[in-house]
C-alpha atoms as a PDB file:
ATOM      1  CA  CYS A   1     -17.962  51.466   2.020  1.00  0.00           C
ATOM      2  CA  SER A   2     -15.400  50.591   4.640  1.00  0.00           C
ATOM      3  CA  GLY A   3     -12.679  47.973   4.177  1.00  0.00           C
ATOM      4  CA  PRO A   4     -14.408  45.385   6.428  1.00  0.00           C
ATOM      5  CA  GLU A   5     -17.714  45.926   4.567  1.00  0.00           C
ATOM      6  CA  ALA A   6     -15.961  45.447   1.221  1.00  0.00           C
ATOM      7  CA  GLU A   7     -14.315  42.271   2.476  1.00  0.00           C
ATOM      8  CA  GLU A   8     -17.643  40.910   3.704  1.00  0.00           C
ATOM      9  CA  PHE A   9     -19.218  41.633   0.309  1.00  0.00           C
ATOM     10  CA  ARG A  10     -16.298  39.992  -1.498  1.00  0.00           C
ATOM     11  CA  GLY A  11     -16.623  36.919   0.719  1.00  0.00           C
ATOM     12  CA  ASN A  12     -20.373  36.651   0.065  1.00  0.00           C
ATOM     13  CA  VAL A  13     -19.784  36.860  -3.694  1.00  0.00           C
ATOM     14  CA  ALA A  14     -16.951  34.291  -3.612  1.00  0.00           C
ATOM     15  CA  LYS A  15     -18.981  31.870  -1.476  1.00  0.00           C
ATOM     16  CA  LYS A  16     -22.071  32.349  -3.678  1.00  0.00           C
ATOM     17  CA  LYS A  17     -24.200  33.545  -0.748  1.00  0.00           C
ATOM     18  CA  GLN A  18     -26.730  35.057  -3.126  1.00  0.00           C
ATOM     19  CA  GLU A  19     -29.217  36.225  -0.511  1.00  0.00           C
ATOM     20  CA  LYS A  20     -26.581  38.292   1.292  1.00  0.00           C
ATOM     21  CA  VAL A  21     -25.167  39.589  -2.010  1.00  0.00           C
ATOM     22  CA  LEU A  22     -28.597  40.904  -3.060  1.00  0.00           C
ATOM     23  CA  GLN A  23     -29.013  42.684   0.275  1.00  0.00           C
ATOM     24  CA  ALA A  24     -26.021  44.867  -0.686  1.00  0.00           C
ATOM     25  CA  TYR A  25     -27.569  45.912  -4.029  1.00  0.00           C
ATOM     26  CA  PRO A  26     -29.095  49.301  -3.014  1.00  0.00           C
ATOM     27  CA  ARG A  27     -25.946  50.522  -1.279  1.00  0.00           C
ATOM     28  CA  PHE A  28     -23.708  49.205  -4.078  1.00  0.00           C
ATOM     29  CA  ILE A  29     -25.680  51.038  -6.785  1.00  0.00           C
ATOM     30  CA  GLU A  30     -25.734  54.234  -4.749  1.00  0.00           C
ATOM     31  CA  GLY A  31     -21.979  54.237  -4.119  1.00  0.00           C
ATOM     32  CA  ALA A  32     -20.993  52.980  -7.589  1.00  0.00           C
ATOM     33  CA  THR A  33     -23.162  55.645  -9.285  1.00  0.00           C
ATOM     34  CA  VAL A  34     -21.168  58.348  -7.502  1.00  0.00           C
ATOM     35  CA  LYS A  35     -17.847  56.638  -8.226  1.00  0.00           C
ATOM     36  CA  LEU A  36     -18.515  55.726 -11.890  1.00  0.00           C
ATOM     37  CA  GLY A  37     -20.549  58.768 -12.848  1.00  0.00           C
ATOM     38  CA  SER A  38     -23.824  57.137 -13.937  1.00  0.00           C
ATOM     39  CA  LYS A  39     -26.408  54.636 -12.763  1.00  0.00           C
ATOM     40  CA  GLU A  40     -26.021  52.672 -16.021  1.00  0.00           C
ATOM     41  CA  ALA A  41     -22.298  52.170 -15.353  1.00  0.00           C
ATOM     42  CA  ALA A  42     -23.064  51.182 -11.754  1.00  0.00           C
ATOM     43  CA  GLN A  43     -25.665  48.617 -12.934  1.00  0.00           C
ATOM     44  CA  LYS A  44     -23.202  47.214 -15.466  1.00  0.00           C
ATOM     45  CA  ALA A  45     -20.603  46.751 -12.718  1.00  0.00           C
ATOM     46  CA  TRP A  46     -23.208  45.104 -10.501  1.00  0.00           C
ATOM     47  CA  ASP A  47     -24.359  42.727 -13.250  1.00  0.00           C
ATOM     48  CA  PHE A  48     -20.773  41.649 -13.915  1.00  0.00           C
ATOM     49  CA  ILE A  49     -20.034  40.935 -10.236  1.00  0.00           C
ATOM     50  CA  ASN A  50     -23.398  39.280  -9.584  1.00  0.00           C
ATOM     51  CA  THR A  51     -23.135  37.007 -12.626  1.00  0.00           C
ATOM     52  CA  TRP A  52     -19.585  35.969 -11.728  1.00  0.00           C
ATOM     53  CA  GLY A  53     -20.704  35.311  -8.144  1.00  0.00           C
ATOM     54  CA  GLN A  54     -23.296  32.776  -9.303  1.00  0.00           C
ATOM     55  CA  TYR A  55     -20.610  30.549 -10.802  1.00  0.00           C
ATOM     56  CA  GLY A  56     -17.151  32.046 -10.945  1.00  0.00           C
ATOM     57  CA  PHE A  57     -13.855  30.248 -10.738  1.00  0.00           C
ATOM     58  CA  ASN A  58     -10.410  31.358  -9.799  1.00  0.00           C
ATOM     59  CA  LYS A  59      -8.271  30.784 -12.927  1.00  0.00           C
ATOM     60  CA  SER A  60      -5.821  28.476 -11.125  1.00  0.00           C
ATOM     61  CA  HIS A  61      -8.743  26.366  -9.905  1.00  0.00           C
ATOM     62  CA  ALA A  62     -10.121  26.131 -13.421  1.00  0.00           C
ATOM     63  CA  VAL A  63      -6.765  24.914 -14.777  1.00  0.00           C
ATOM     64  CA  CYS A  64      -6.379  22.330 -11.993  1.00  0.00           C
ATOM     65  CA  TYR A  65      -9.923  21.034 -12.458  1.00  0.00           C
ATOM     66  CA  SER A  66      -9.383  20.724 -16.201  1.00  0.00           C
ATOM     67  CA  VAL A  67      -6.138  18.765 -15.811  1.00  0.00           C
ATOM     68  CA  ILE A  68      -7.546  16.487 -13.099  1.00  0.00           C
ATOM     69  CA  GLY A  69     -10.763  15.941 -15.068  1.00  0.00           C
ATOM     70  CA  TYR A  70      -8.813  14.965 -18.198  1.00  0.00           C
ATOM     71  CA  VAL A  71      -6.479  12.596 -16.334  1.00  0.00           C
ATOM     72  CA  CYS A  72      -9.379  10.921 -14.508  1.00  0.00           C
ATOM     73  CA  ALA A  73     -11.327  10.445 -17.740  1.00  0.00           C
ATOM     74  CA  TRP A  74      -8.230   8.924 -19.395  1.00  0.00           C
ATOM     75  CA  LEU A  75      -7.650   6.515 -16.488  1.00  0.00           C
ATOM     76  CA  LYS A  76     -11.314   5.515 -16.338  1.00  0.00           C
ATOM     77  CA  ARG A  77     -11.313   4.775 -20.070  1.00  0.00           C
ATOM     78  CA  HIS A  78      -8.018   2.881 -20.329  1.00  0.00           C
ATOM     79  CA  PHE A  79      -7.701   1.330 -16.836  1.00  0.00           C
ATOM     80  CA  PRO A  80     -11.292   0.752 -15.680  1.00  0.00           C
ATOM     81  CA  LEU A  81     -10.460  -1.962 -13.125  1.00  0.00           C
ATOM     82  CA  GLU A  82      -7.737   0.089 -11.464  1.00  0.00           C
ATOM     83  CA  TRP A  83      -9.900   3.219 -11.620  1.00  0.00           C
ATOM     84  CA  TRP A  84     -12.975   1.670 -10.031  1.00  0.00           C
ATOM     85  CA  THR A  85     -10.932  -0.215  -7.416  1.00  0.00           C
ATOM     86  CA  ALA A  86      -9.434   3.087  -6.256  1.00  0.00           C
ATOM     87  CA  VAL A  87     -12.825   4.822  -6.253  1.00  0.00           C
ATOM     88  CA  LEU A  88     -14.543   2.024  -4.303  1.00  0.00           C
ATOM     89  CA  ARG A  89     -11.744   1.789  -1.735  1.00  0.00           C
ATOM     90  CA  ASN A  90     -12.318   5.454  -0.913  1.00  0.00           C
ATOM     91  CA  ALA A  91     -16.136   5.434  -0.821  1.00  0.00           C
ATOM     92  CA  ASP A  92     -18.506   4.501   1.988  1.00  0.00           C
ATOM     93  CA  LYS A  93     -20.961   1.618   1.691  1.00  0.00           C
ATOM     94  CA  ASN A  94     -24.034   3.800   1.072  1.00  0.00           C
ATOM     95  CA  GLU A  95     -22.309   5.702  -1.725  1.00  0.00           C
ATOM     96  CA  ILE A  96     -21.233   2.425  -3.327  1.00  0.00           C
ATOM     97  CA  ASN A  97     -24.718   0.907  -3.144  1.00  0.00           C
ATOM     98  CA  GLU A  98     -26.650   4.007  -4.164  1.00  0.00           C
ATOM     99  CA  VAL A  99     -24.318   5.740  -6.648  1.00  0.00           C
ATOM    100  CA  PHE A 100     -21.335   3.793  -7.958  1.00  0.00           C
ATOM    101  CA  TRP A 101     -22.695   0.248  -8.278  1.00  0.00           C
ATOM    102  CA  HIS A 102     -24.976   1.276 -11.126  1.00  0.00           C
ATOM    103  CA  HIS A 103     -21.893   2.209 -13.161  1.00  0.00           C
ATOM    104  CA  CYS A 104     -19.396  -0.484 -12.182  1.00  0.00           C
ATOM    105  CA  GLY A 105     -21.391  -3.425 -10.780  1.00  0.00           C
ATOM    106  CA  HIS A 106     -20.846  -5.393 -13.992  1.00  0.00           C
ATOM    107  CA  LEU A 107     -17.102  -5.442 -13.215  1.00  0.00           C
ATOM    108  CA  ILE A 108     -17.465  -6.702  -9.628  1.00  0.00           C
ATOM    109  CA  ASP A 109     -17.787 -10.162  -8.088  1.00  0.00           C
ATOM    110  CA  LEU A 110     -19.831 -10.192  -4.892  1.00  0.00           C
ATOM    111  CA  PRO A 111     -18.204 -10.818  -1.487  1.00  0.00           C
ATOM    112  CA  ASP A 112     -17.119 -14.345  -0.698  1.00  0.00           C
ATOM    113  CA  VAL A 113     -15.968 -15.377   2.786  1.00  0.00           C
ATOM    114  CA  ARG A 114     -13.110 -17.455   1.318  1.00  0.00           C
ATOM    115  CA  LEU A 115     -12.060 -15.311  -1.643  1.00  0.00           C
ATOM    116  CA  SER A 116     -12.592 -11.726  -0.458  1.00  0.00           C
ATOM    117  CA  SER A 117      -9.946  -9.600   1.227  1.00  0.00           C
ATOM    118  CA  ASP A 118     -10.439  -6.541   3.437  1.00  0.00           C
ATOM    119  CA  VAL A 119     -10.585  -4.148   0.468  1.00  0.00           C
ATOM    120  CA  TYR A 120     -11.720  -4.133  -3.149  1.00  0.00           C
ATOM    121  CA  LYS A 121      -9.085  -6.063  -5.057  1.00  0.00           C
ATOM    122  CA  ILE A 122      -8.433  -6.967  -8.688  1.00  0.00           C
ATOM    123  CA  HIS A 123      -8.452 -10.678  -9.510  1.00  0.00           C
ATOM    124  CA  GLY A 124      -7.741 -11.333 -13.153  1.00  0.00           C
ATOM    125  CA  ASP A 125     -10.196  -9.269 -15.170  1.00  0.00           C
ATOM    126  CA  ARG A 126     -12.655  -8.733 -12.292  1.00  0.00           C
ATOM    127  CA  ILE A 127     -12.847  -6.798  -9.019  1.00  0.00           C
ATOM    128  CA  ARG A 128     -13.653  -8.809  -5.889  1.00  0.00           C
ATOM    129  CA  ALA A 129     -15.775  -6.978  -3.314  1.00  0.00           C
ATOM    130  CA  PRO A 130     -14.680  -7.198   0.355  1.00  0.00           C
ATOM    131  CA  ILE A 131     -16.667  -8.859   3.110  1.00  0.00           C
ATOM    132  CA  SER A 132     -17.412  -5.383   4.506  1.00  0.00           C
ATOM    133  CA  LEU A 133     -19.953  -4.874   1.692  1.00  0.00           C
ATOM    134  CA  LEU A 134     -22.217  -7.401   3.418  1.00  0.00           C
ATOM    135  CA  ASP A 135     -25.166  -5.951   5.327  1.00  0.00           C
ATOM    136  CA  GLY A 136     -27.203  -7.606   8.054  1.00  0.00           C
ATOM    137  CA  VAL A 137     -24.035  -9.007   9.674  1.00  0.00           C
ATOM    138  CA  GLY A 138     -23.271  -7.317  12.981  1.00  0.00           C
ATOM    139  CA  PRO A 139     -19.829  -5.923  13.916  1.00  0.00           C
ATOM    140  CA  ALA A 140     -18.990  -8.892  16.179  1.00  0.00           C
ATOM    141  CA  ALA A 141     -19.957 -11.429  13.498  1.00  0.00           C
ATOM    142  CA  HIS A 142     -18.052  -9.493  10.856  1.00  0.00           C
ATOM    143  CA  GLU A 143     -14.935  -9.344  13.060  1.00  0.00           C
ATOM    144  CA  GLN A 144     -15.099 -13.065  13.805  1.00  0.00           C
ATOM    145  CA  LEU A 145     -15.692 -13.863  10.135  1.00  0.00           C
ATOM    146  CA  CYS A 146     -12.587 -11.935   9.087  1.00  0.00           C
ATOM    147  CA  ALA A 147     -10.450 -13.293  11.945  1.00  0.00           C
ATOM    148  CA  GLY A 148     -11.157 -16.891  10.922  1.00  0.00           C
ATOM    149  CA  ARG A 149      -9.905 -16.541   7.353  1.00  0.00           C
ATOM    150  CA  PRO A 150      -8.772 -18.343   5.319  1.00  0.00           C
ATOM    151  CA  TYR A 151     -11.441 -21.059   5.110  1.00  0.00           C
ATOM    152  CA  ARG A 152     -10.845 -24.250   3.130  1.00  0.00           C
ATOM    153  CA  ASP A 153     -14.416 -25.540   3.087  1.00  0.00           C
ATOM    154  CA  ILE A 154     -17.589 -25.639   5.177  1.00  0.00           C
ATOM    155  CA  ASP A 155     -16.063 -28.095   7.673  1.00  0.00           C
ATOM    156  CA  ASP A 156     -13.108 -25.779   8.283  1.00  0.00           C
ATOM    157  CA  PHE A 157     -15.543 -22.868   8.679  1.00  0.00           C
ATOM    158  CA  CYS A 158     -17.557 -24.741  11.325  1.00  0.00           C
ATOM    159  CA  ASP A 159     -14.415 -25.979  13.106  1.00  0.00           C
ATOM    160  CA  LYS A 160     -13.284 -22.370  13.495  1.00  0.00           C
ATOM    161  CA  ILE A 161     -16.653 -21.422  14.989  1.00  0.00           C
ATOM    162  CA  GLN A 162     -16.188 -24.185  17.586  1.00  0.00           C
ATOM    163  CA  ALA A 163     -12.586 -23.096  18.179  1.00  0.00           C
ATOM    164  CA  PHE A 164     -13.844 -19.580  18.897  1.00  0.00           C
ATOM    165  CA  LYS A 165     -16.298 -20.969  21.466  1.00  0.00           C
ATOM    166  CA  LEU A 166     -13.519 -23.001  23.107  1.00  0.00           C
ATOM    167  CA  ALA A 167     -11.276 -19.942  23.280  1.00  0.00           C
ATOM    168  CA  ASN A 168     -14.011 -18.021  25.082  1.00  0.00           C
ATOM    169  CA  VAL A 169     -15.045 -20.517  27.766  1.00  0.00           C
ATOM    170  CA  LYS A 170     -17.459 -19.090  30.347  1.00  0.00           C
ATOM    171  CA  GLY A 171     -16.776 -21.079  33.494  1.00  0.00           C
ATOM    172  CA  LYS A 172     -17.840 -24.625  34.286  1.00  0.00           C
ATOM    173  CA  THR A 173     -21.095 -26.553  34.168  1.00  0.00           C
ATOM    174  CA  LYS A 174     -22.462 -28.424  37.230  1.00  0.00           C
ATOM    175  CA  THR A 175     -20.727 -31.549  35.976  1.00  0.00           C
ATOM    176  CA  GLY A 176     -17.380 -29.748  35.811  1.00  0.00           C
ATOM    177  CA  LYS A 177     -17.190 -29.420  32.047  1.00  0.00           C
ATOM    178  CA  ASP A 178     -16.230 -26.193  30.328  1.00  0.00           C
ATOM    179  CA  ARG A 179     -19.168 -23.937  29.485  1.00  0.00           C
ATOM    180  CA  LEU A 180     -18.452 -22.939  25.898  1.00  0.00           C
ATOM    181  CA  GLY A 181     -18.581 -19.309  24.891  1.00  0.00           C
ATOM    182  CA  THR A 182     -21.011 -18.004  22.308  1.00  0.00           C
ATOM    183  CA  SER A 183     -20.266 -17.242  18.682  1.00  0.00           C
ATOM    184  CA  ALA A 184     -21.594 -14.226  16.799  1.00  0.00           C
ATOM    185  CA  LEU A 185     -21.656 -16.495  13.745  1.00  0.00           C
ATOM    186  CA  HIS A 186     -24.786 -18.236  14.936  1.00  0.00           C
ATOM    187  CA  ARG A 187     -27.188 -20.185  12.738  1.00  0.00           C
ATOM    188  CA  GLY A 188     -29.244 -17.140  11.719  1.00  0.00           C
ATOM    189  CA  VAL A 189     -26.185 -15.226  10.496  1.00  0.00           C
ATOM    190  CA  VAL A 190     -24.722 -18.238   8.673  1.00  0.00           C
ATOM    191  CA  TYR A 191     -28.048 -18.917   6.952  1.00  0.00           C
ATOM    192  CA  ARG A 192     -28.093 -15.335   5.668  1.00  0.00           C
ATOM    193  CA  LEU A 193     -24.509 -15.656   4.446  1.00  0.00           C
ATOM    194  CA  ILE A 194     -25.327 -18.881   2.615  1.00  0.00           C
ATOM    195  CA  ILE A 195     -28.483 -17.509   1.024  1.00  0.00           C
ATOM    196  CA  SER A 196     -26.678 -14.326  -0.045  1.00  0.00           C
ATOM    197  CA  GLY A 197     -24.163 -16.391  -1.996  1.00  0.00           C
ATOM    198  CA  ALA A 198     -21.259 -15.202   0.181  1.00  0.00           C
ATOM    199  CA  MET A 199     -20.359 -18.796   1.122  1.00  0.00           C
ATOM    200  CA  ASP A 200     -20.764 -20.501  -2.261  1.00  0.00           C
ATOM    201  CA  SER A 201     -17.037 -21.276  -2.559  1.00  0.00           C
ATOM    202  CA  LEU A 202     -17.114 -23.391   0.630  1.00  0.00           C
ATOM    203  CA  PHE A 203     -19.488 -25.936  -0.899  1.00  0.00           C
ATOM    204  CA  PRO A 204     -19.277 -28.408  -3.795  1.00  0.00           C
ATOM    205  CA  GLU A 205     -19.887 -26.735  -7.147  1.00  0.00           C
ATOM    206  CA  GLY A 206     -23.487 -26.935  -8.303  1.00  0.00           C
ATOM    207  CA  SER A 207     -24.967 -27.171  -4.778  1.00  0.00           C
ATOM    208  CA  THR A 208     -28.436 -25.662  -4.408  1.00  0.00           C
ATOM    209  CA  VAL A 209     -29.261 -23.337  -1.528  1.00  0.00           C
ATOM    210  CA  LEU A 210     -31.093 -26.169   0.222  1.00  0.00           C
ATOM    211  CA  ASP A 211     -28.077 -28.471  -0.306  1.00  0.00           C
ATOM    212  CA  MET A 212     -25.762 -25.866   1.235  1.00  0.00           C
ATOM    213  CA  LEU A 213     -27.991 -25.315   4.261  1.00  0.00           C
ATOM    214  CA  ALA A 214     -28.179 -29.081   4.858  1.00  0.00           C
ATOM    215  CA  LEU A 215     -24.395 -29.468   4.424  1.00  0.00           C
ATOM    216  CA  TYR A 216     -23.845 -26.641   6.911  1.00  0.00           C
ATOM    217  CA  GLU A 217     -26.067 -28.350   9.504  1.00  0.00           C
ATOM    218  CA  GLU A 218     -24.137 -31.597   9.033  1.00  0.00           C
ATOM    219  CA  ALA A 219     -20.764 -29.823   9.290  1.00  0.00           C
ATOM    220  CA  ILE A 220     -21.639 -27.859  12.437  1.00  0.00           C
ATOM    221  CA  ALA A 221     -22.925 -31.078  14.029  1.00  0.00           C
ATOM    222  CA  ARG A 222     -19.646 -32.872  13.217  1.00  0.00           C
ATOM    223  CA  SER A 223     -17.644 -30.004  14.716  1.00  0.00           C
ATOM    224  CA  ALA A 224     -19.772 -29.998  17.863  1.00  0.00           C
ATOM    225  CA  SER A 225     -19.374 -33.786  18.152  1.00  0.00           C
ATOM    226  CA  ARG A 226     -15.596 -33.503  18.136  1.00  0.00           C
ATOM    227  CA  VAL A 227     -15.654 -30.803  20.828  1.00  0.00           C
ATOM    228  CA  LYS A 228     -18.174 -32.543  23.089  1.00  0.00           C
ATOM    229  CA  GLY A 229     -16.774 -36.036  22.576  1.00  0.00           C
ATOM    230  CA  LYS A 230     -20.160 -37.450  21.689  1.00  0.00           C
ATOM    231  CA  LYS A 231     -22.271 -37.623  18.564  1.00  0.00           C
ATOM    232  CA  VAL A 232     -24.431 -34.561  17.924  1.00  0.00           C
ATOM    233  CA  LYS A 233     -27.314 -34.919  15.498  1.00  0.00           C
ATOM    234  CA  PRO A 234     -27.607 -32.320  12.708  1.00  0.00           C
ATOM    235  CA  GLU A 235     -30.469 -29.886  13.098  1.00  0.00           C
ATOM    236  CA  PRO A 236     -33.071 -30.013  10.323  1.00  0.00           C
ATOM    237  CA  VAL A 237     -32.994 -27.098   7.893  1.00  0.00           C
ATOM    238  CA  ASP A 238     -35.368 -24.338   8.998  1.00  0.00           C
ATOM    239  CA  PRO A 239     -38.646 -25.192   7.198  1.00  0.00           C
ATOM    240  CA  LYS A 240     -39.101 -21.637   5.906  1.00  0.00           C
ATOM    241  CA  PHE A 241     -36.033 -22.143   3.716  1.00  0.00           C
ATOM    242  CA  VAL A 242     -37.028 -25.519   2.302  1.00  0.00           C
ATOM    243  CA  ASP A 243     -39.401 -24.191  -0.348  1.00  0.00           C
ATOM    244  CA  LEU A 244     -37.589 -20.919  -1.006  1.00  0.00           C
ATOM    245  CA  ASP A 245     -38.593 -19.596  -4.415  1.00  0.00           C
ATOM    246  CA  GLN A 246     -36.555 -17.344  -6.707  1.00  0.00           C
ATOM    247  CA  VAL A 247     -38.242 -14.123  -5.570  1.00  0.00           C
ATOM    248  CA  GLN A 248     -37.830 -14.932  -1.871  1.00  0.00           C
ATOM    249  CA  ARG A 249     -34.145 -15.729  -2.317  1.00  0.00           C
ATOM    250  CA  TYR A 250     -33.701 -12.507  -4.284  1.00  0.00           C
ATOM    251  CA  GLN A 251     -35.237 -10.516  -1.418  1.00  0.00           C
ATOM    252  CA  LEU A 252     -33.035 -12.240   1.162  1.00  0.00           C
ATOM    253  CA  ARG A 253     -29.922 -11.568  -0.942  1.00  0.00           C
ATOM    254  CA  LYS A 254     -30.895  -7.899  -1.285  1.00  0.00           C
ATOM    255  CA  HIS A 255     -31.256  -7.679   2.491  1.00  0.00           C
ATOM    256  CA  ILE A 256     -27.634  -8.652   3.059  1.00  0.00           C
ATOM    257  CA  LEU A 257     -26.278  -7.240  -0.227  1.00  0.00           C
ATOM    258  CA  PRO A 258     -28.221  -4.090  -1.185  1.00  0.00           C
ATOM    259  CA  ALA A 259     -26.066  -3.695  -4.309  1.00  0.00           C
ATOM    260  CA  TYR A 260     -27.087  -7.134  -5.605  1.00  0.00           C
ATOM    261  CA  SER A 261     -29.172  -7.214  -8.744  1.00  0.00           C
ATOM    262  CA  ALA A 262     -30.112 -10.031 -11.112  1.00  0.00           C
ATOM    263  CA  PRO A 263     -33.052 -11.088 -13.315  1.00  0.00           C
ATOM    264  CA  ILE A 264     -35.710 -12.724 -11.138  1.00  0.00           C
ATOM    265  CA  MET A 265     -37.656 -14.382 -13.922  1.00  0.00           C
ATOM    266  CA  PRO A 266     -35.969 -16.689 -16.454  1.00  0.00           C
ATOM    267  CA  MET A 267     -35.326 -14.997 -19.821  1.00  0.00           C
END
C-alpha cells in the first residue's frame, strides 16, 4: 500500500475505529501474504494488530496512567476531604448530583445561605456545599443571594432584600413617592429556600418549618414597615405549607437540592 494508505490504517487502529480497520482486512491479508510468504503468517500479523487496536496503549501513557492512578488512590484514602473538595470544585452540577454524591455525600453539609461560600470548602471535618448547588433558584435570585452575604439572621436577610429594592427604584408613584424596584428573592423563592433547609442557620435553633415561614413573614413585614414609614402587617403563611408532612417536605427539598437524601419514615 502507499504511504498515505498506511498512515490512514495506522490512525484507524490507534483510534480504535474498528469498522474502518475491518474494511482493510482483505487488502491487508493479500499484501501481507506476499510480503511474509504465507497466509498463516499474514493472519498472525493481522490478529496481533487487530487485537492491539481494540485496547492498546502507548507505553509512556501506560506509565503515566499508573503513576497518576496510584497517587489519586493514595490521596483519596488518606486525605478524603481534600480529595473530594478538589473533585467537586472541578465538576458540574449534574455530575455531582448523578455520579459523585453517591460516594461522598456523607462527608458534605448541604448549602446554607449564611455559611456557604462560592465553592466547596472544608470546615472542620466536613465539606460545606456552595449555594450554587441549589436548584430551582434563578440566576438573578442566585446573584442577589450571593451579593447580600453575609447574613446575620432572618431580619438582616429581609433588610437586604428591601435595600435591594431601594437601590433599584423605578420612578415615582402618583403621590410622589419612590416606586421600589423588584427583588428576585420574592416570597416563592424564599419559601423554597426555607423548606430546603438552606436558611436554617438564620432562625433560632429548633424552629420547625412552619415556625421559620412565620418568622420570615414577620421579618419581611418589619423591613417593609421601616422602608414605608408605616406599619405593614405580616402575610399569613401560605396554607399549602401549614400541614406539610414529611414526604411533601422531602419532595420539595429534592426539587431544590436533587442531591438531598434522607430517611422519610422514622426508623
